[in-house]
Amino acid sequence: MHMSWKDVVEIPPWGDVEDWRQVNDAVRYLIGRHKANLGPVMETARYIETLLKSFFPLQDQLVQETCVGCQCPCCETATVWYDFCDILFNHLTGQELTERQLIGKQGDICGCFSHRGCVMPRLSRPWVCTLYFCPQQMHRIRVRGQEVKNASDQLIHDIRVARKKLETSFIQITS
């Protein structure tokens, strides 16, 4: 019998509070145990942090222009959670972590969504939240011109590559 990734992955991963605690404890333990060898991983995490910070001004502008009057906030309709790389990044850079996964099961609304938007600091949010642009935001990016669109696309690409490197390097060093 052939199993696919969907057959073995729970959505969201670590949706149970105890599972969430265990995965975070394990990451903390591995970071502590391998700290002396994690220099390149820490450098990659800091690089990702720099890239994200350069991406946030555009996002903040788009949120101001589109989210305030939105009748269907993506945070209410999207299925979002922290993946392993998000957890790893947050631990390595000292970002705030939630006490539980953002949702406990599919169909739940993100636990960090409030009437004023997301309560999490930008750097603590999952990559999927940073990556997502609604159709109105995409339109506003295009209106800003090809240079802004190209710069945004390049930043997204660079962050994706660095996230993959972060996760791969961490696993190699701690295995």
N, C-alpha and C. Protein backbone atom coordinates (compact mmCIF):
# COMPACT_ATOMS: atom_id res chain seq x y z
N MET A 1 0.84 -1.18 0.00
CA MET A 1 0.00 0.00 0.00
C MET A 1 0.88 1.25 0.00
N HIS A 2 0.62 2.16 -0.90
CA HIS A 2 1.39 3.40 -1.00
C HIS A 2 0.74 4.47 -0.11
N MET A 3 1.57 5.10 0.74
CA MET A 3 1.06 6.18 1.59
C MET A 3 1.57 7.50 1.05
N SER A 4 0.73 8.48 1.06
CA SER A 4 1.15 9.82 0.65
C SER A 4 1.41 10.65 1.89
N TRP A 5 2.01 11.81 1.68
CA TRP A 5 2.28 12.74 2.77
C TRP A 5 1.00 13.08 3.53
N LYS A 6 -0.12 13.22 2.79
CA LYS A 6 -1.40 13.55 3.43
C LYS A 6 -1.84 12.45 4.40
N ASP A 7 -1.42 11.22 4.16
CA ASP A 7 -1.81 10.12 5.02
C ASP A 7 -1.12 10.15 6.38
N VAL A 8 0.01 10.81 6.48
CA VAL A 8 0.78 10.77 7.71
C VAL A 8 0.89 12.12 8.41
N VAL A 9 0.42 13.18 7.81
CA VAL A 9 0.54 14.50 8.41
C VAL A 9 -0.81 14.92 8.99
N GLU A 10 -0.76 15.32 10.24
CA GLU A 10 -1.94 15.82 10.92
C GLU A 10 -2.01 17.32 10.67
N ILE A 11 -3.18 17.82 10.35
CA ILE A 11 -3.37 19.25 10.14
C ILE A 11 -4.22 19.79 11.28
N PRO A 12 -3.69 20.65 12.07
CA PRO A 12 -2.32 21.14 12.07
C PRO A 12 -1.40 20.17 12.83
N PRO A 13 -0.12 20.19 12.51
CA PRO A 13 0.79 19.39 13.33
C PRO A 13 0.84 19.99 14.75
N TRP A 14 0.94 19.15 15.72
CA TRP A 14 1.05 19.57 17.12
C TRP A 14 -0.15 20.40 17.57
N GLY A 15 -1.34 20.04 17.09
CA GLY A 15 -2.55 20.77 17.46
C GLY A 15 -2.95 20.55 18.91
N ASP A 16 -2.55 19.44 19.47
CA ASP A 16 -2.81 19.14 20.87
C ASP A 16 -1.82 19.93 21.74
N VAL A 17 -2.29 20.49 22.84
CA VAL A 17 -1.44 21.33 23.69
C VAL A 17 -0.20 20.57 24.18
N GLU A 18 -0.37 19.31 24.54
CA GLU A 18 0.77 18.52 25.01
C GLU A 18 1.77 18.28 23.89
N ASP A 19 1.28 17.98 22.69
CA ASP A 19 2.18 17.81 21.53
C ASP A 19 2.94 19.10 21.25
N TRP A 20 2.25 20.23 21.35
CA TRP A 20 2.88 21.54 21.13
C TRP A 20 4.00 21.77 22.15
N ARG A 21 3.73 21.47 23.40
CA ARG A 21 4.74 21.62 24.44
C ARG A 21 5.94 20.71 24.16
N GLN A 22 5.67 19.48 23.77
CA GLN A 22 6.76 18.53 23.53
C GLN A 22 7.64 18.94 22.35
N VAL A 23 7.05 19.41 21.27
CA VAL A 23 7.88 19.80 20.12
C VAL A 23 8.74 21.00 20.48
N ASN A 24 8.19 21.94 21.23
CA ASN A 24 8.98 23.11 21.63
C ASN A 24 10.06 22.74 22.64
N ASP A 25 9.75 21.84 23.55
CA ASP A 25 10.77 21.35 24.49
C ASP A 25 11.90 20.65 23.73
N ALA A 26 11.55 19.85 22.74
CA ALA A 26 12.56 19.13 21.96
C ALA A 26 13.46 20.09 21.19
N VAL A 27 12.88 21.10 20.60
CA VAL A 27 13.69 22.09 19.87
C VAL A 27 14.61 22.83 20.83
N ARG A 28 14.07 23.25 21.98
CA ARG A 28 14.91 23.92 22.99
C ARG A 28 16.06 23.02 23.43
N TYR A 29 15.76 21.76 23.66
CA TYR A 29 16.79 20.80 24.09
C TYR A 29 17.88 20.67 23.02
N LEU A 30 17.47 20.49 21.76
CA LEU A 30 18.45 20.31 20.68
C LEU A 30 19.31 21.56 20.49
N ILE A 31 18.70 22.72 20.61
CA ILE A 31 19.47 23.97 20.51
C ILE A 31 20.50 24.04 21.63
N GLY A 32 20.07 23.73 22.83
CA GLY A 32 20.99 23.76 23.97
C GLY A 32 22.10 22.73 23.84
N ARG A 33 21.76 21.54 23.41
CA ARG A 33 22.74 20.45 23.31
C ARG A 33 23.78 20.70 22.21
N HIS A 34 23.36 21.34 21.12
CA HIS A 34 24.24 21.52 19.97
C HIS A 34 24.66 22.98 19.76
N LYS A 35 24.48 23.79 20.79
CA LYS A 35 24.73 25.23 20.66
C LYS A 35 26.09 25.56 20.06
N ALA A 36 27.12 24.84 20.47
CA ALA A 36 28.48 25.12 20.00
C ALA A 36 28.63 24.93 18.49
N ASN A 37 27.78 24.12 17.89
CA ASN A 37 27.89 23.83 16.46
C ASN A 37 26.85 24.57 15.60
N LEU A 38 26.03 25.36 16.23
CA LEU A 38 24.91 25.98 15.51
C LEU A 38 25.22 27.37 14.94
N GLY A 39 26.49 27.76 14.90
CA GLY A 39 26.86 29.08 14.36
C GLY A 39 26.27 29.34 12.98
N PRO A 40 26.46 28.44 12.01
CA PRO A 40 25.90 28.68 10.68
C PRO A 40 24.36 28.74 10.67
N VAL A 41 23.73 27.95 11.54
CA VAL A 41 22.27 27.96 11.64
C VAL A 41 21.81 29.29 12.22
N MET A 42 22.50 29.77 13.25
CA MET A 42 22.16 31.07 13.84
C MET A 42 22.34 32.20 12.83
N GLU A 43 23.40 32.10 12.04
CA GLU A 43 23.64 33.11 11.00
C GLU A 43 22.49 33.12 9.98
N THR A 44 22.03 31.96 9.60
CA THR A 44 20.91 31.87 8.66
C THR A 44 19.65 32.43 9.29
N ALA A 45 19.41 32.14 10.56
CA ALA A 45 18.23 32.68 11.25
C ALA A 45 18.27 34.21 11.29
N ARG A 46 19.45 34.76 11.58
CA ARG A 46 19.58 36.23 11.59
C ARG A 46 19.38 36.83 10.20
N TYR A 47 19.85 36.12 9.18
CA TYR A 47 19.65 36.56 7.80
C TYR A 47 18.16 36.59 7.46
N ILE A 48 17.44 35.54 7.84
CA ILE A 48 15.99 35.50 7.62
C ILE A 48 15.32 36.65 8.35
N GLU A 49 15.74 36.91 9.57
CA GLU A 49 15.17 38.01 10.34
C GLU A 49 15.37 39.34 9.61
N THR A 50 16.56 39.55 9.07
CA THR A 50 16.85 40.77 8.32
C THR A 50 15.97 40.88 7.08
N LEU A 51 15.83 39.77 6.35
CA LEU A 51 14.98 39.78 5.15
C LEU A 51 13.53 40.08 5.53
N LEU A 52 13.04 39.44 6.59
CA LEU A 52 11.66 39.68 7.01
C LEU A 52 11.45 41.13 7.39
N LYS A 53 12.38 41.69 8.14
CA LYS A 53 12.24 43.08 8.55
C LYS A 53 12.21 44.03 7.35
N SER A 54 12.92 43.67 6.29
CA SER A 54 12.89 44.53 5.10
C SER A 54 11.59 44.35 4.32
N PHE A 55 10.89 43.27 4.56
CA PHE A 55 9.62 42.96 3.89
C PHE A 55 8.43 43.60 4.60
N PHE A 56 8.54 43.82 5.91
CA PHE A 56 7.41 44.28 6.71
C PHE A 56 6.89 45.67 6.36
N PRO A 57 7.72 46.64 5.97
CA PRO A 57 7.14 47.95 5.62
C PRO A 57 6.10 47.87 4.50
N LEU A 58 6.37 47.07 3.48
CA LEU A 58 5.39 46.89 2.41
C LEU A 58 4.13 46.24 2.96
N GLN A 59 4.30 45.22 3.77
CA GLN A 59 3.14 44.54 4.36
C GLN A 59 2.33 45.49 5.23
N ASP A 60 2.99 46.28 6.04
CA ASP A 60 2.28 47.22 6.90
C ASP A 60 1.46 48.21 6.08
N GLN A 61 2.04 48.70 4.98
CA GLN A 61 1.30 49.61 4.10
C GLN A 61 0.07 48.91 3.52
N LEU A 62 0.27 47.69 3.05
CA LEU A 62 -0.85 46.95 2.45
C LEU A 62 -1.95 46.67 3.45
N VAL A 63 -1.57 46.33 4.67
CA VAL A 63 -2.56 46.09 5.72
C VAL A 63 -3.37 47.35 5.98
N GLN A 64 -2.68 48.48 6.08
CA GLN A 64 -3.38 49.75 6.30
C GLN A 64 -4.36 50.07 5.17
N GLU A 65 -3.97 49.74 3.94
CA GLU A 65 -4.79 50.05 2.78
C GLU A 65 -5.95 49.07 2.56
N THR A 66 -5.80 47.83 3.01
CA THR A 66 -6.79 46.82 2.63
C THR A 66 -7.50 46.12 3.79
N CYS A 67 -6.83 45.88 4.87
CA CYS A 67 -7.39 45.01 5.92
C CYS A 67 -8.43 45.71 6.80
N VAL A 68 -8.26 46.99 7.01
CA VAL A 68 -9.13 47.72 7.92
C VAL A 68 -10.61 47.57 7.53
N GLY A 69 -10.91 47.68 6.27
CA GLY A 69 -12.30 47.59 5.84
C GLY A 69 -12.70 46.24 5.27
N CYS A 70 -11.85 45.25 5.41
CA CYS A 70 -12.12 43.94 4.82
C CYS A 70 -13.29 43.26 5.52
N GLN A 71 -14.20 42.74 4.71
CA GLN A 71 -15.37 42.05 5.24
C GLN A 71 -15.12 40.56 5.47
N CYS A 72 -14.01 40.05 4.95
CA CYS A 72 -13.70 38.63 5.07
C CYS A 72 -12.21 38.46 5.41
N PRO A 73 -11.82 38.78 6.66
CA PRO A 73 -10.41 38.70 7.02
C PRO A 73 -9.84 37.29 6.81
N CYS A 74 -8.69 37.23 6.19
CA CYS A 74 -8.07 35.93 5.91
C CYS A 74 -7.81 35.16 7.19
N CYS A 75 -7.56 35.86 8.29
CA CYS A 75 -7.29 35.19 9.57
C CYS A 75 -8.51 34.40 10.05
N GLU A 76 -9.69 34.78 9.61
CA GLU A 76 -10.90 34.06 10.00
C GLU A 76 -11.18 32.87 9.09
N THR A 77 -10.64 32.89 7.90
CA THR A 77 -10.98 31.84 6.93
C THR A 77 -9.83 30.91 6.59
N ALA A 78 -8.61 31.34 6.79
CA ALA A 78 -7.45 30.52 6.42
C ALA A 78 -7.16 29.47 7.50
N THR A 79 -6.57 28.38 7.08
CA THR A 79 -6.09 27.36 8.00
C THR A 79 -4.59 27.58 8.15
N VAL A 80 -4.19 28.21 9.26
CA VAL A 80 -2.78 28.56 9.45
C VAL A 80 -2.23 27.89 10.70
N TRP A 81 -0.96 27.56 10.65
CA TRP A 81 -0.28 26.97 11.79
C TRP A 81 1.21 27.20 11.65
N TYR A 82 1.90 26.97 12.76
CA TYR A 82 3.36 27.01 12.75
C TYR A 82 3.87 25.70 12.18
N ASP A 83 4.78 25.79 11.22
CA ASP A 83 5.47 24.58 10.76
C ASP A 83 6.78 24.48 11.53
N PHE A 84 7.53 23.42 11.27
CA PHE A 84 8.77 23.19 12.02
C PHE A 84 9.74 24.36 11.87
N CYS A 85 9.88 24.87 10.67
CA CYS A 85 10.82 25.96 10.43
C CYS A 85 10.40 27.22 11.19
N ASP A 86 9.11 27.49 11.29
CA ASP A 86 8.63 28.63 12.06
C ASP A 86 9.03 28.48 13.53
N ILE A 87 8.82 27.29 14.07
CA ILE A 87 9.17 27.02 15.47
C ILE A 87 10.67 27.20 15.67
N LEU A 88 11.43 26.62 14.78
CA LEU A 88 12.89 26.70 14.85
C LEU A 88 13.35 28.16 14.79
N PHE A 89 12.86 28.91 13.82
CA PHE A 89 13.21 30.32 13.67
C PHE A 89 12.89 31.10 14.95
N ASN A 90 11.70 30.89 15.49
CA ASN A 90 11.30 31.63 16.69
C ASN A 90 12.20 31.30 17.87
N HIS A 91 12.56 30.04 18.04
CA HIS A 91 13.47 29.68 19.13
C HIS A 91 14.86 30.28 18.92
N LEU A 92 15.38 30.18 17.71
CA LEU A 92 16.74 30.65 17.43
C LEU A 92 16.88 32.17 17.54
N THR A 93 15.81 32.90 17.26
CA THR A 93 15.90 34.35 17.27
C THR A 93 15.23 34.98 18.50
N GLY A 94 14.76 34.13 19.42
CA GLY A 94 14.18 34.63 20.66
C GLY A 94 12.84 35.31 20.49
N GLN A 95 12.08 34.88 19.49
CA GLN A 95 10.76 35.47 19.27
C GLN A 95 9.74 34.88 20.24
N GLU A 96 8.67 35.60 20.41
CA GLU A 96 7.56 35.16 21.25
C GLU A 96 6.91 33.92 20.64
N LEU A 97 6.60 32.97 21.49
CA LEU A 97 5.89 31.77 21.05
C LEU A 97 4.54 31.70 21.73
N THR A 98 3.58 31.17 21.04
CA THR A 98 2.26 31.00 21.63
C THR A 98 2.26 29.78 22.56
N GLU A 99 1.29 29.72 23.44
CA GLU A 99 1.20 28.60 24.38
C GLU A 99 0.65 27.34 23.73
N ARG A 100 0.13 27.50 22.52
CA ARG A 100 -0.41 26.36 21.78
C ARG A 100 -0.31 26.66 20.30
N GLN A 101 -0.47 25.63 19.49
CA GLN A 101 -0.51 25.82 18.04
C GLN A 101 -1.62 26.83 17.73
N LEU A 102 -1.54 27.54 16.62
CA LEU A 102 -2.50 28.60 16.32
C LEU A 102 -3.93 28.09 16.20
N ILE A 103 -4.08 26.87 15.70
CA ILE A 103 -5.39 26.23 15.64
C ILE A 103 -5.25 24.82 16.22
N GLY A 104 -6.32 24.32 16.80
CA GLY A 104 -6.29 22.97 17.35
C GLY A 104 -6.68 21.92 16.33
N LYS A 105 -7.52 22.34 15.37
CA LYS A 105 -7.97 21.43 14.32
C LYS A 105 -8.41 22.25 13.12
N GLN A 106 -8.51 21.58 11.99
CA GLN A 106 -8.97 22.27 10.79
C GLN A 106 -10.34 22.88 11.05
N GLY A 107 -10.55 24.07 10.52
CA GLY A 107 -11.82 24.76 10.70
C GLY A 107 -11.79 25.77 11.83
N ASP A 108 -10.80 25.68 12.73
CA ASP A 108 -10.68 26.65 13.81
C ASP A 108 -10.19 27.99 13.26
N ILE A 109 -10.54 29.05 13.95
CA ILE A 109 -10.02 30.39 13.63
C ILE A 109 -8.71 30.56 14.40
N CYS A 110 -7.75 31.19 13.79
CA CYS A 110 -6.45 31.42 14.42
C CYS A 110 -6.64 32.03 15.81
N GLY A 111 -5.96 31.45 16.79
CA GLY A 111 -6.05 31.90 18.16
C GLY A 111 -5.44 33.28 18.41
N CYS A 112 -4.73 33.81 17.44
CA CYS A 112 -4.11 35.13 17.60
C CYS A 112 -4.87 36.23 16.88
N PHE A 113 -6.02 35.88 16.31
CA PHE A 113 -6.82 36.87 15.60
C PHE A 113 -7.72 37.60 16.59
N SER A 114 -7.75 38.91 16.50
CA SER A 114 -8.63 39.73 17.34
C SER A 114 -9.37 40.73 16.45
N HIS A 115 -10.27 41.45 17.04
CA HIS A 115 -11.01 42.47 16.27
C HIS A 115 -10.09 43.55 15.71
N ARG A 116 -8.86 43.63 16.20
CA ARG A 116 -7.89 44.62 15.71
C ARG A 116 -6.83 43.98 14.82
N GLY A 117 -7.04 42.71 14.45
CA GLY A 117 -6.06 42.01 13.62
C GLY A 117 -5.26 41.03 14.45
N CYS A 118 -4.07 40.69 13.98
CA CYS A 118 -3.22 39.72 14.65
C CYS A 118 -2.59 40.34 15.90
N VAL A 119 -2.58 39.59 16.99
CA VAL A 119 -1.98 40.08 18.22
C VAL A 119 -0.51 39.70 18.34
N MET A 120 -0.02 38.88 17.41
CA MET A 120 1.38 38.45 17.45
C MET A 120 2.29 39.48 16.79
N PRO A 121 3.49 39.69 17.35
CA PRO A 121 4.47 40.53 16.65
C PRO A 121 4.78 39.91 15.29
N ARG A 122 5.07 40.72 14.30
CA ARG A 122 5.30 40.22 12.94
C ARG A 122 6.35 39.11 12.88
N LEU A 123 7.45 39.27 13.58
CA LEU A 123 8.52 38.27 13.50
C LEU A 123 8.12 36.93 14.11
N SER A 124 7.14 36.92 14.98
CA SER A 124 6.70 35.68 15.63
C SER A 124 5.69 34.91 14.80
N ARG A 125 5.14 35.53 13.80
CA ARG A 125 4.08 34.89 13.02
C ARG A 125 4.63 33.81 12.09
N PRO A 126 3.79 32.85 11.77
CA PRO A 126 4.21 31.83 10.80
C PRO A 126 4.51 32.45 9.44
N TRP A 127 5.41 31.83 8.72
CA TRP A 127 5.77 32.29 7.38
C TRP A 127 4.56 32.39 6.48
N VAL A 128 3.63 31.45 6.58
CA VAL A 128 2.46 31.47 5.71
C VAL A 128 1.67 32.78 5.89
N CYS A 129 1.64 33.31 7.09
CA CYS A 129 0.94 34.58 7.32
C CYS A 129 1.67 35.75 6.66
N THR A 130 2.99 35.70 6.68
CA THR A 130 3.79 36.74 6.06
C THR A 130 3.72 36.64 4.54
N LEU A 131 3.70 35.44 4.06
CA LEU A 131 3.74 35.17 2.62
C LEU A 131 2.44 35.53 1.91
N TYR A 132 1.33 35.43 2.59
CA TYR A 132 0.03 35.56 1.94
C TYR A 132 -0.31 37.01 1.60
N PHE A 133 -0.71 37.22 0.36
CA PHE A 133 -1.27 38.49 -0.09
C PHE A 133 -2.64 38.20 -0.69
N CYS A 134 -3.65 38.87 -0.21
CA CYS A 134 -4.99 38.68 -0.77
C CYS A 134 -5.03 39.33 -2.16
N PRO A 135 -6.07 39.06 -2.94
CA PRO A 135 -6.16 39.65 -4.28
C PRO A 135 -6.08 41.19 -4.27
N GLN A 136 -6.69 41.83 -3.28
CA GLN A 136 -6.61 43.30 -3.22
C GLN A 136 -5.19 43.77 -2.97
N GLN A 137 -4.46 43.05 -2.12
CA GLN A 137 -3.08 43.43 -1.85
C GLN A 137 -2.20 43.18 -3.08
N MET A 138 -2.44 42.07 -3.77
CA MET A 138 -1.68 41.80 -5.01
C MET A 138 -1.92 42.92 -6.02
N HIS A 139 -3.16 43.37 -6.13
CA HIS A 139 -3.47 44.47 -7.05
C HIS A 139 -2.68 45.72 -6.65
N ARG A 140 -2.64 46.02 -5.38
CA ARG A 140 -1.92 47.21 -4.92
C ARG A 140 -0.42 47.10 -5.15
N ILE A 141 0.12 45.89 -5.06
CA ILE A 141 1.54 45.69 -5.37
C ILE A 141 1.78 45.98 -6.85
N ARG A 142 0.92 45.45 -7.71
CA ARG A 142 1.07 45.68 -9.15
C ARG A 142 0.95 47.16 -9.49
N VAL A 143 0.04 47.86 -8.82
CA VAL A 143 -0.15 49.29 -9.06
C VAL A 143 1.10 50.08 -8.68
N ARG A 144 1.84 49.60 -7.70
CA ARG A 144 3.06 50.28 -7.28
C ARG A 144 4.16 50.18 -8.33
N GLY A 145 4.02 49.24 -9.26
CA GLY A 145 4.97 49.13 -10.36
C GLY A 145 5.77 47.84 -10.34
N GLN A 146 6.37 47.55 -11.46
CA GLN A 146 7.11 46.30 -11.64
C GLN A 146 8.31 46.20 -10.71
N GLU A 147 8.93 47.33 -10.42
CA GLU A 147 10.09 47.32 -9.53
C GLU A 147 9.70 46.81 -8.13
N VAL A 148 8.58 47.29 -7.62
CA VAL A 148 8.11 46.85 -6.30
C VAL A 148 7.71 45.37 -6.35
N LYS A 149 7.03 44.96 -7.41
CA LYS A 149 6.63 43.56 -7.57
C LYS A 149 7.86 42.67 -7.63
N ASN A 150 8.85 43.05 -8.43
CA ASN A 150 10.08 42.26 -8.55
C ASN A 150 10.83 42.17 -7.23
N ALA A 151 10.91 43.28 -6.51
CA ALA A 151 11.61 43.29 -5.22
C ALA A 151 10.88 42.39 -4.22
N SER A 152 9.56 42.46 -4.22
CA SER A 152 8.76 41.60 -3.34
C SER A 152 8.96 40.13 -3.68
N ASP A 153 8.89 39.81 -4.96
CA ASP A 153 9.10 38.43 -5.40
C ASP A 153 10.49 37.92 -5.03
N GLN A 154 11.50 38.77 -5.17
CA GLN A 154 12.87 38.37 -4.83
C GLN A 154 13.02 38.12 -3.33
N LEU A 155 12.42 39.00 -2.53
CA LEU A 155 12.48 38.80 -1.08
C LEU A 155 11.81 37.49 -0.68
N ILE A 156 10.66 37.21 -1.25
CA ILE A 156 9.95 35.96 -0.96
C ILE A 156 10.82 34.77 -1.34
N HIS A 157 11.43 34.83 -2.51
CA HIS A 157 12.31 33.75 -2.95
C HIS A 157 13.48 33.57 -1.99
N ASP A 158 14.13 34.67 -1.63
CA ASP A 158 15.30 34.61 -0.75
C ASP A 158 14.92 34.04 0.63
N ILE A 159 13.77 34.43 1.15
CA ILE A 159 13.32 33.92 2.45
C ILE A 159 13.03 32.43 2.35
N ARG A 160 12.38 32.00 1.28
CA ARG A 160 12.09 30.57 1.10
C ARG A 160 13.38 29.75 1.07
N VAL A 161 14.36 30.22 0.32
CA VAL A 161 15.64 29.51 0.20
C VAL A 161 16.33 29.46 1.57
N ALA A 162 16.33 30.58 2.28
CA ALA A 162 17.00 30.63 3.58
C ALA A 162 16.28 29.76 4.61
N ARG A 163 14.95 29.71 4.56
CA ARG A 163 14.19 28.84 5.48
C ARG A 163 14.54 27.38 5.24
N LYS A 164 14.64 27.00 3.99
CA LYS A 164 15.01 25.61 3.66
C LYS A 164 16.41 25.30 4.19
N LYS A 165 17.32 26.24 4.00
CA LYS A 165 18.69 26.07 4.49
C LYS A 165 18.70 25.97 6.01
N LEU A 166 17.92 26.81 6.69
CA LEU A 166 17.85 26.79 8.15
C LEU A 166 17.42 25.42 8.65
N GLU A 167 16.34 24.94 8.11
CA GLU A 167 15.80 23.64 8.54
C GLU A 167 16.77 22.50 8.22
N THR A 168 17.28 22.47 7.01
CA THR A 168 18.19 21.40 6.59
C THR A 168 19.46 21.40 7.43
N SER A 169 20.05 22.56 7.63
CA SER A 169 21.29 22.67 8.41
C SER A 169 21.05 22.25 9.86
N PHE A 170 19.95 22.68 10.43
CA PHE A 170 19.64 22.32 11.82
C PHE A 170 19.51 20.80 11.97
N ILE A 171 18.79 20.19 11.06
CA ILE A 171 18.59 18.73 11.11
C ILE A 171 19.91 18.01 10.94
N GLN A 172 20.74 18.46 10.01
CA GLN A 172 22.04 17.82 9.80
C GLN A 172 22.93 17.91 11.04
N ILE A 173 22.95 19.07 11.66
CA ILE A 173 23.82 19.28 12.83
C ILE A 173 23.31 18.52 14.05
N THR A 174 22.00 18.46 14.23
CA THR A 174 21.46 17.86 15.44
C THR A 174 21.13 16.38 15.31
N SER A 175 21.32 15.82 14.12
CA SER A 175 21.01 14.39 13.93
C SER A 175 22.16 13.50 14.35
